[in-house]
Amino acid sequence: LSDPNTDTKERGATLEILSVIAMHDPSLVRKYFLDYSHAASTMLLSKTTEGASPQRHLPPPKPNDAREVLFHCPPDDLLLALLFVMATETDAGLLLQTSEIVRIILDTEMMGGGNGG
């Protein structure tokens, strides 16, 4: 998803698979997000030297020759990949599909059952 060279059909197929997984079990995708975030923060904290305060800081991106700042994210960071699609995609269908996936994943009302009323 985060590769800017993929075409609309590839992104559409990937988003379709992800939407089926998210509709079936959104907690699975939430767990993946949290596990990835925990692993990334643990890796960043382990790289800090002793005595230095642990920081989660990435250098700011540099603009290219056309004075454009490109959005880069690791290929295995699913949350950033979804945000990348929402920030860069121009196809309305893919934007709608991506926003629906994010809505399903972030909707926690389905987790605990209803009020019964």
C-alpha atoms as a PDB file:
ATOM      1  CA  LEU A   1       0.000   0.000   0.000  1.00  0.00           C
ATOM      2  CA  SER A   2       2.766   2.450   0.793  1.00  0.00           C
ATOM      3  CA  ASP A   3       4.616   1.930  -2.488  1.00  0.00           C
ATOM      4  CA  PRO A   4       3.941   4.982  -4.681  1.00  0.00           C
ATOM      5  CA  ASN A   5       4.605   2.913  -7.821  1.00  0.00           C
ATOM      6  CA  THR A   6       1.669   0.517  -7.379  1.00  0.00           C
ATOM      7  CA  ASP A   7      -1.292   0.945  -9.672  1.00  0.00           C
ATOM      8  CA  THR A   8      -4.946   1.346  -8.753  1.00  0.00           C
ATOM      9  CA  LYS A   9      -5.821  -2.302  -9.384  1.00  0.00           C
ATOM     10  CA  GLU A  10      -3.127  -3.569  -7.001  1.00  0.00           C
ATOM     11  CA  ARG A  11      -4.147  -1.126  -4.274  1.00  0.00           C
ATOM     12  CA  GLY A  12      -7.800  -1.974  -4.803  1.00  0.00           C
ATOM     13  CA  ALA A  13      -7.144  -5.707  -4.442  1.00  0.00           C
ATOM     14  CA  THR A  14      -5.048  -5.161  -1.321  1.00  0.00           C
ATOM     15  CA  LEU A  15      -7.680  -2.911   0.227  1.00  0.00           C
ATOM     16  CA  GLU A  16     -10.411  -5.431  -0.617  1.00  0.00           C
ATOM     17  CA  ILE A  17      -8.533  -8.198   1.215  1.00  0.00           C
ATOM     18  CA  LEU A  18      -7.872  -5.914   4.172  1.00  0.00           C
ATOM     19  CA  SER A  19     -11.517  -4.801   4.316  1.00  0.00           C
ATOM     20  CA  VAL A  20     -12.717  -8.415   4.479  1.00  0.00           C
ATOM     21  CA  ILE A  21     -10.290  -9.104   7.339  1.00  0.00           C
ATOM     22  CA  ALA A  22     -11.301  -5.896   9.131  1.00  0.00           C
ATOM     23  CA  MET A  23     -15.020  -6.648   8.785  1.00  0.00           C
ATOM     24  CA  HIS A  24     -14.549 -10.212  10.001  1.00  0.00           C
ATOM     25  CA  ASP A  25     -12.345  -9.415  13.010  1.00  0.00           C
ATOM     26  CA  PRO A  26     -11.322  -5.756  13.545  1.00  0.00           C
ATOM     27  CA  SER A  27      -9.653  -6.644  16.843  1.00  0.00           C
ATOM     28  CA  LEU A  28      -7.126  -8.742  14.906  1.00  0.00           C
ATOM     29  CA  VAL A  29      -6.071  -5.690  12.895  1.00  0.00           C
ATOM     30  CA  ARG A  30      -6.017  -3.508  16.046  1.00  0.00           C
ATOM     31  CA  LYS A  31      -3.772  -6.085  17.743  1.00  0.00           C
ATOM     32  CA  TYR A  32      -1.424  -6.054  14.740  1.00  0.00           C
ATOM     33  CA  PHE A  33      -1.240  -2.226  14.917  1.00  0.00           C
ATOM     34  CA  LEU A  34      -0.449  -2.291  18.622  1.00  0.00           C
ATOM     35  CA  ASP A  35       2.074  -5.142  18.337  1.00  0.00           C
ATOM     36  CA  TYR A  36       3.876  -3.353  15.513  1.00  0.00           C
ATOM     37  CA  SER A  37       3.897  -0.077  17.445  1.00  0.00           C
ATOM     38  CA  HIS A  38       5.233  -1.799  20.561  1.00  0.00           C
ATOM     39  CA  ALA A  39       7.947  -3.611  18.591  1.00  0.00           C
ATOM     40  CA  ALA A  40       8.985  -0.409  16.803  1.00  0.00           C
ATOM     41  CA  SER A  41       9.155   1.591  20.035  1.00  0.00           C
ATOM     42  CA  THR A  42      11.098  -1.195  21.766  1.00  0.00           C
ATOM     43  CA  MET A  43      13.564  -1.244  18.886  1.00  0.00           C
ATOM     44  CA  LEU A  44      13.996   2.546  19.045  1.00  0.00           C
ATOM     45  CA  LEU A  45      14.444   2.478  22.813  1.00  0.00           C
ATOM     46  CA  SER A  46      17.030  -0.299  22.626  1.00  0.00           C
ATOM     47  CA  LYS A  47      19.102   1.760  20.181  1.00  0.00           C
ATOM     48  CA  THR A  48      19.504   4.637  22.633  1.00  0.00           C
ATOM     49  CA  THR A  49      22.734   4.733  24.543  1.00  0.00           C
ATOM     50  CA  GLU A  50      22.807   4.336  28.278  1.00  0.00           C
ATOM     51  CA  GLY A  51      22.517   7.595  30.141  1.00  0.00           C
ATOM     52  CA  ALA A  52      20.728   9.305  27.265  1.00  0.00           C
ATOM     53  CA  SER A  53      17.043   9.948  27.512  1.00  0.00           C
ATOM     54  CA  PRO A  54      15.045   7.652  25.206  1.00  0.00           C
ATOM     55  CA  GLN A  55      13.463   9.598  22.359  1.00  0.00           C
ATOM     56  CA  ARG A  56      11.203   8.563  19.565  1.00  0.00           C
ATOM     57  CA  HIS A  57      12.354  11.124  17.051  1.00  0.00           C
ATOM     58  CA  LEU A  58      12.743  10.795  13.321  1.00  0.00           C
ATOM     59  CA  PRO A  59      14.496  13.433  11.247  1.00  0.00           C
ATOM     60  CA  PRO A  60      12.214  15.640   9.170  1.00  0.00           C
ATOM     61  CA  PRO A  61      11.885  14.649   5.503  1.00  0.00           C
ATOM     62  CA  LYS A  62      13.851  16.568   2.897  1.00  0.00           C
ATOM     63  CA  PRO A  63      12.109  17.974  -0.191  1.00  0.00           C
ATOM     64  CA  ASN A  64      13.102  16.671  -3.618  1.00  0.00           C
ATOM     65  CA  ASP A  65      14.149  18.771  -6.635  1.00  0.00           C
ATOM     66  CA  ALA A  66      10.532  19.746  -7.323  1.00  0.00           C
ATOM     67  CA  ARG A  67      10.241  21.010  -3.726  1.00  0.00           C
ATOM     68  CA  GLU A  68       7.885  18.152  -2.841  1.00  0.00           C
ATOM     69  CA  VAL A  69       8.088  16.410   0.506  1.00  0.00           C
ATOM     70  CA  LEU A  70       7.524  12.705   0.067  1.00  0.00           C
ATOM     71  CA  PHE A  71       5.745  10.594   2.668  1.00  0.00           C
ATOM     72  CA  HIS A  72       7.786   7.514   3.512  1.00  0.00           C
ATOM     73  CA  CYS A  73       6.755   4.698   5.800  1.00  0.00           C
ATOM     74  CA  PRO A  74       8.125   1.229   6.467  1.00  0.00           C
ATOM     75  CA  PRO A  75       6.595  -1.424   4.195  1.00  0.00           C
ATOM     76  CA  ASP A  76       5.277  -3.442   7.145  1.00  0.00           C
ATOM     77  CA  ASP A  77       3.579  -0.551   9.000  1.00  0.00           C
ATOM     78  CA  LEU A  78      -0.053  -1.075   8.063  1.00  0.00           C
ATOM     79  CA  LEU A  79      -1.465   1.967   9.847  1.00  0.00           C
ATOM     80  CA  LEU A  80       0.973   4.356   8.164  1.00  0.00           C
ATOM     81  CA  ALA A  81       0.299   2.644   4.837  1.00  0.00           C
ATOM     82  CA  LEU A  82      -3.430   3.311   5.216  1.00  0.00           C
ATOM     83  CA  LEU A  83      -2.707   6.936   6.107  1.00  0.00           C
ATOM     84  CA  PHE A  84      -0.398   7.144   3.082  1.00  0.00           C
ATOM     85  CA  VAL A  85      -3.218   5.993   0.811  1.00  0.00           C
ATOM     86  CA  MET A  86      -5.584   8.531   2.367  1.00  0.00           C
ATOM     87  CA  ALA A  87      -3.027  11.323   1.918  1.00  0.00           C
ATOM     88  CA  THR A  88      -1.891  10.585  -1.621  1.00  0.00           C
ATOM     89  CA  GLU A  89      -4.591   8.685  -3.484  1.00  0.00           C
ATOM     90  CA  THR A  90      -6.734  10.551  -6.014  1.00  0.00           C
ATOM     91  CA  ASP A  91      -9.141   7.719  -6.868  1.00  0.00           C
ATOM     92  CA  ALA A  92     -12.398   8.319  -4.993  1.00  0.00           C
ATOM     93  CA  GLY A  93     -13.211   4.611  -4.776  1.00  0.00           C
ATOM     94  CA  LEU A  94      -9.928   3.770  -3.084  1.00  0.00           C
ATOM     95  CA  LEU A  95     -10.272   6.729  -0.729  1.00  0.00           C
ATOM     96  CA  LEU A  96     -13.765   5.596   0.264  1.00  0.00           C
ATOM     97  CA  GLN A  97     -12.601   2.013   0.769  1.00  0.00           C
ATOM     98  CA  THR A  98      -9.603   3.130   2.852  1.00  0.00           C
ATOM     99  CA  SER A  99     -11.655   5.444   5.041  1.00  0.00           C
ATOM    100  CA  GLU A 100     -14.204   2.670   5.596  1.00  0.00           C
ATOM    101  CA  ILE A 101     -11.433   0.278   6.677  1.00  0.00           C
ATOM    102  CA  VAL A 102     -10.062   2.848   9.127  1.00  0.00           C
ATOM    103  CA  ARG A 103     -13.580   3.512  10.451  1.00  0.00           C
ATOM    104  CA  ILE A 104     -14.219  -0.206  11.010  1.00  0.00           C
ATOM    105  CA  ILE A 105     -10.890  -0.676  12.759  1.00  0.00           C
ATOM    106  CA  LEU A 106     -11.294   2.362  15.015  1.00  0.00           C
ATOM    107  CA  ASP A 107     -14.941   1.667  15.888  1.00  0.00           C
ATOM    108  CA  THR A 108     -14.737   0.136  19.349  1.00  0.00           C
ATOM    109  CA  GLU A 109     -18.493   0.157  20.028  1.00  0.00           C
ATOM    110  CA  MET A 110     -18.736  -3.246  18.355  1.00  0.00           C
ATOM    111  CA  MET A 111     -16.260  -4.706  20.865  1.00  0.00           C
ATOM    112  CA  GLY A 112     -18.130  -4.726  24.159  1.00  0.00           C
ATOM    113  CA  GLY A 113     -21.706  -5.453  23.131  1.00  0.00           C
ATOM    114  CA  GLY A 114     -24.583  -3.035  23.344  1.00  0.00           C
ATOM    115  CA  ASN A 115     -26.473  -1.452  26.191  1.00  0.00           C
ATOM    116  CA  GLY A 116     -29.379  -3.726  25.479  1.00  0.00           C
ATOM    117  CA  GLY A 117     -31.740  -0.893  24.810  1.00  0.00           C
END
